[in-house]
Amino acid sequence: MKLIIGNKNYSSWSLRAWLALKQSGLAFEELTVNIGGDDWAALKRESGEIMPSGKVPVLWDGETVIWDSLAIMDYLADKVGRERYWPKDDTARGMALSMVAEMHSSYMAMRSECPMNVRKRFDGVQLTDAARDDIVRVLQLWAEARARFGKGGPFLFGTFGAADIFYAPVVSRFVTYGIAVPGFARAYMEAVWEHEWMQAWIAGAEDERWIIEQYETAPRV
């Protein structure tokens, strides 16, 4: 297996796919491309066979190619067993599936105003009402998942799984932009941040020398 990812410092979608592969337990090779480089546009045009969508992440498994982080996780779950990613309980699994789908398709204001930047820390950020509403919604979902299904461990549904994989970049965003969160959310964020795979990703981001200037300034209303 080969996983093509973008900059570890900036690419939230790549982080999700990478964590999904780590969760699978399968061996894989990773190839990182600089999505902020001058040659990125040309690379996308010329990479039809390598990156069919012109975007990252992309997973190659022999002759099989899967792009999009959710598709990659679903493909891996079918290979190794869906219970590795999703709660066994129907009710918990229903909520986890819905939370992942919502993360995949929503929170556009938060994403655009608070792009992932693992290395950076901002103080006193100014966000729009739309971005603050997104943050409140995320915290509501975290609170419900933890209260109803999180008694088996420190993660959203107890043990580390699909929902944590998809909300890991949100944890990174909250750390970067100094988002104030209640105690339960802070404890959850610490569990994700200190996870050995997350720490490995953070170390990789710290080692990168690529900089994308547009993501290096704090949001302003």
Protein backbone atom coordinates (compact mmCIF):
# COMPACT_ATOMS: atom_id res chain seq x y z
CA MET A 1 0.00 0.00 0.00
CA LYS A 2 1.12 3.54 -0.75
CA LEU A 3 -0.51 6.68 0.68
CA ILE A 4 0.06 10.01 -1.03
CA ILE A 5 -0.42 12.89 1.39
CA GLY A 6 0.07 16.65 1.50
CA ASN A 7 2.11 18.71 3.95
CA LYS A 8 1.71 17.31 7.45
CA ASN A 9 1.59 20.81 8.86
CA TYR A 10 -1.39 21.92 6.79
CA SER A 11 -3.28 19.00 5.23
CA SER A 12 -6.18 17.99 7.48
CA TRP A 13 -7.58 15.56 4.91
CA SER A 14 -4.21 13.81 4.73
CA LEU A 15 -4.09 13.48 8.51
CA ARG A 16 -7.44 11.67 8.48
CA ALA A 17 -6.35 9.18 5.84
CA TRP A 18 -3.01 8.60 7.56
CA LEU A 19 -4.66 7.92 10.91
CA ALA A 20 -7.16 5.62 9.20
CA LEU A 21 -4.27 3.60 7.79
CA LYS A 22 -2.52 3.46 11.15
CA GLN A 23 -5.77 2.22 12.68
CA SER A 24 -6.00 -0.54 10.08
CA GLY A 25 -2.75 -2.12 11.26
CA LEU A 26 -1.68 -2.64 7.64
CA ALA A 27 1.80 -1.77 6.44
CA PHE A 28 2.03 1.17 4.04
CA GLU A 29 4.48 3.54 2.43
CA GLU A 30 3.80 7.27 2.57
CA LEU A 31 4.71 9.83 -0.07
CA THR A 32 4.42 13.50 0.88
CA VAL A 33 3.94 16.22 -1.73
CA ASN A 34 4.17 19.96 -1.08
CA ILE A 35 0.70 21.31 -1.82
CA GLY A 36 1.99 24.86 -1.45
CA GLY A 37 4.90 24.59 -3.86
CA ASP A 38 5.20 26.51 -7.11
CA ASP A 39 5.06 23.23 -9.03
CA TRP A 40 1.87 21.98 -7.33
CA ALA A 41 -0.48 23.17 -10.09
CA ALA A 42 1.66 21.53 -12.76
CA LEU A 43 1.98 18.35 -10.72
CA LYS A 44 -1.80 18.09 -10.40
CA ARG A 45 -2.24 18.43 -14.15
CA GLU A 46 0.34 15.77 -14.86
CA SER A 47 -0.61 13.29 -12.15
CA GLY A 48 -3.75 11.73 -13.59
CA GLU A 49 -2.50 8.19 -13.06
CA ILE A 50 -1.08 8.88 -9.60
CA MET A 51 -3.70 11.27 -8.20
CA PRO A 52 -6.88 10.84 -10.28
CA SER A 53 -8.74 13.65 -8.50
CA GLY A 54 -5.75 16.02 -8.56
CA LYS A 55 -5.97 16.16 -4.77
CA VAL A 56 -4.56 14.41 -1.71
CA PRO A 57 -4.85 12.02 0.02
CA VAL A 58 -4.78 9.08 -2.37
CA LEU A 59 -4.35 5.43 -1.41
CA TRP A 60 -2.88 2.90 -3.83
CA ASP A 61 -3.42 -0.77 -2.98
CA GLY A 62 -1.90 -2.71 -5.84
CA GLU A 63 -4.00 -1.77 -8.88
CA THR A 64 -6.75 -0.29 -6.70
CA VAL A 65 -6.79 3.48 -6.19
CA ILE A 66 -8.94 5.25 -3.62
CA TRP A 67 -9.11 9.00 -3.16
CA ASP A 68 -10.95 11.08 -0.54
CA SER A 69 -10.29 10.48 3.16
CA LEU A 70 -13.74 9.04 3.93
CA ALA A 71 -13.56 6.61 1.01
CA ILE A 72 -10.09 5.54 2.14
CA MET A 73 -11.30 4.81 5.67
CA ASP A 74 -14.34 2.93 4.39
CA TYR A 75 -12.17 0.85 2.07
CA LEU A 76 -9.80 -0.02 4.91
CA ALA A 77 -12.69 -0.90 7.22
CA ASP A 78 -13.95 -3.40 4.64
CA LYS A 79 -10.47 -4.96 4.46
CA VAL A 80 -9.72 -5.33 8.16
CA GLY A 81 -13.15 -5.37 9.79
CA ARG A 82 -15.49 -2.48 10.42
CA GLU A 83 -15.41 -3.02 14.18
CA ARG A 84 -11.85 -1.68 14.15
CA TYR A 85 -13.30 1.73 13.29
CA TRP A 86 -16.92 1.80 14.43
CA PRO A 87 -18.71 1.03 17.73
CA LYS A 88 -20.41 -2.36 17.90
CA ASP A 89 -23.56 -0.97 19.52
CA ASP A 90 -26.10 0.07 16.87
CA THR A 91 -27.04 3.33 18.57
CA ALA A 92 -23.45 4.37 19.17
CA ARG A 93 -22.47 3.37 15.65
CA GLY A 94 -25.35 5.40 14.23
CA MET A 95 -24.14 8.50 16.01
CA ALA A 96 -20.50 7.89 15.06
CA LEU A 97 -21.44 7.48 11.40
CA SER A 98 -23.47 10.69 11.49
CA MET A 99 -20.68 12.64 13.21
CA VAL A 100 -18.12 11.53 10.65
CA ALA A 101 -20.43 12.38 7.76
CA GLU A 102 -21.15 15.80 9.26
CA MET A 103 -17.44 16.46 9.72
CA HIS A 104 -16.80 15.43 6.13
CA SER A 105 -19.39 17.80 4.66
CA SER A 106 -19.84 20.68 7.12
CA TYR A 107 -18.15 23.38 9.23
CA MET A 108 -17.03 25.40 6.22
CA ALA A 109 -16.64 28.65 8.19
CA MET A 110 -14.45 27.04 10.84
CA ARG A 111 -12.35 25.30 8.19
CA SER A 112 -11.76 28.45 6.15
CA GLU A 113 -11.09 30.76 9.10
CA CYS A 114 -9.02 28.25 11.08
CA PRO A 115 -6.98 26.23 8.58
CA MET A 116 -4.85 23.50 10.09
CA ASN A 117 -1.36 24.64 11.03
CA VAL A 118 0.19 22.18 13.47
CA ARG A 119 3.28 24.29 14.21
CA LYS A 120 1.58 27.63 14.82
CA ARG A 121 -0.06 29.17 17.92
CA PHE A 122 -2.28 32.25 17.79
CA ASP A 123 -3.68 34.37 20.64
CA GLY A 124 -6.82 36.49 20.61
CA VAL A 125 -8.16 35.29 17.27
CA GLN A 126 -11.29 36.96 15.91
CA LEU A 127 -13.84 34.66 14.29
CA THR A 128 -17.13 35.25 12.54
CA ASP A 129 -20.41 34.20 14.10
CA ALA A 130 -20.58 31.37 11.55
CA ALA A 131 -17.23 29.95 12.67
CA ARG A 132 -18.19 30.26 16.33
CA ASP A 133 -21.45 28.45 15.58
CA ASP A 134 -19.44 25.62 13.97
CA ILE A 135 -17.28 25.36 17.08
CA VAL A 136 -20.32 25.22 19.35
CA ARG A 137 -21.83 22.47 17.20
CA VAL A 138 -18.63 20.41 17.40
CA LEU A 139 -18.50 20.80 21.18
CA GLN A 140 -22.15 19.75 21.46
CA LEU A 141 -21.45 16.58 19.49
CA TRP A 142 -18.35 15.80 21.53
CA ALA A 143 -20.31 16.29 24.76
CA GLU A 144 -23.12 13.98 23.67
CA ALA A 145 -20.79 11.25 22.42
CA ARG A 146 -18.68 11.34 25.57
CA ALA A 147 -21.69 11.41 27.91
CA ARG A 148 -23.59 8.61 26.17
CA PHE A 149 -20.88 6.34 24.81
CA GLY A 150 -17.48 7.39 26.15
CA LYS A 151 -17.28 5.45 29.38
CA GLY A 152 -14.90 2.82 27.96
CA GLY A 153 -11.99 5.21 27.50
CA PRO A 154 -10.94 8.83 26.86
CA PHE A 155 -12.12 9.06 23.25
CA LEU A 156 -15.49 10.04 21.79
CA PHE A 157 -16.87 6.51 21.87
CA GLY A 158 -14.51 5.17 24.50
CA THR A 159 -11.80 3.60 22.37
CA PHE A 160 -10.03 5.33 19.48
CA GLY A 161 -11.98 5.00 16.24
CA ALA A 162 -13.41 6.63 13.14
CA ALA A 163 -14.92 9.65 14.88
CA ASP A 164 -11.61 10.49 16.55
CA ILE A 165 -9.80 10.08 13.26
CA PHE A 166 -12.10 12.59 11.59
CA TYR A 167 -12.12 15.11 14.43
CA ALA A 168 -8.36 14.95 15.06
CA PRO A 169 -7.73 17.93 12.72
CA VAL A 170 -10.36 19.89 14.67
CA VAL A 171 -8.41 19.16 17.85
CA SER A 172 -5.34 20.54 16.10
CA ARG A 173 -7.23 23.65 15.01
CA PHE A 174 -8.51 24.30 18.53
CA VAL A 175 -4.94 24.02 19.85
CA THR A 176 -3.53 26.30 17.15
CA TYR A 177 -6.11 29.07 17.52
CA GLY A 178 -6.45 28.89 21.29
CA ILE A 179 -10.14 28.03 21.21
CA ALA A 180 -11.58 28.06 24.74
CA VAL A 181 -13.29 24.76 25.53
CA PRO A 182 -14.92 23.25 28.63
CA GLY A 183 -13.06 20.76 30.79
CA PHE A 184 -14.46 17.59 29.23
CA ALA A 185 -13.40 18.80 25.76
CA ARG A 186 -9.95 19.75 27.01
CA ALA A 187 -9.50 16.25 28.43
CA TYR A 188 -10.61 14.72 25.14
CA MET A 189 -8.29 16.97 23.16
CA GLU A 190 -5.37 15.99 25.36
CA ALA A 191 -6.12 12.29 24.76
CA VAL A 192 -6.09 12.83 20.99
CA TRP A 193 -3.06 15.13 21.02
CA GLU A 194 -1.02 12.72 23.14
CA HIS A 195 -1.95 9.63 21.12
CA GLU A 196 1.24 8.05 19.79
CA TRP A 197 0.13 8.32 16.16
CA MET A 198 -0.81 11.97 16.57
CA GLN A 199 2.53 12.65 18.20
CA ALA A 200 4.29 11.00 15.24
CA TRP A 201 2.33 13.21 12.82
CA ILE A 202 3.13 16.34 14.86
CA ALA A 203 6.83 15.44 14.83
CA GLY A 204 6.66 15.07 11.05
CA ALA A 205 5.00 18.47 10.75
CA GLU A 206 7.68 20.05 12.93
CA ASP A 207 10.39 18.58 10.70
CA GLU A 208 8.91 20.03 7.50
CA ARG A 209 10.47 23.16 6.07
CA TRP A 210 7.64 24.04 3.69
CA ILE A 211 5.64 27.19 4.49
CA ILE A 212 2.32 28.27 2.98
CA GLU A 213 2.10 31.96 3.79
CA GLN A 214 -1.70 32.26 3.53
CA TYR A 215 -2.07 29.89 6.49
CA GLU A 216 0.47 31.69 8.67
CA THR A 217 -1.65 34.66 9.79
CA ALA A 218 -4.42 34.77 12.37
CA PRO A 219 -8.03 35.16 11.17
CA ARG A 220 -9.57 38.62 11.51
CA VAL A 221 -13.25 39.54 11.25
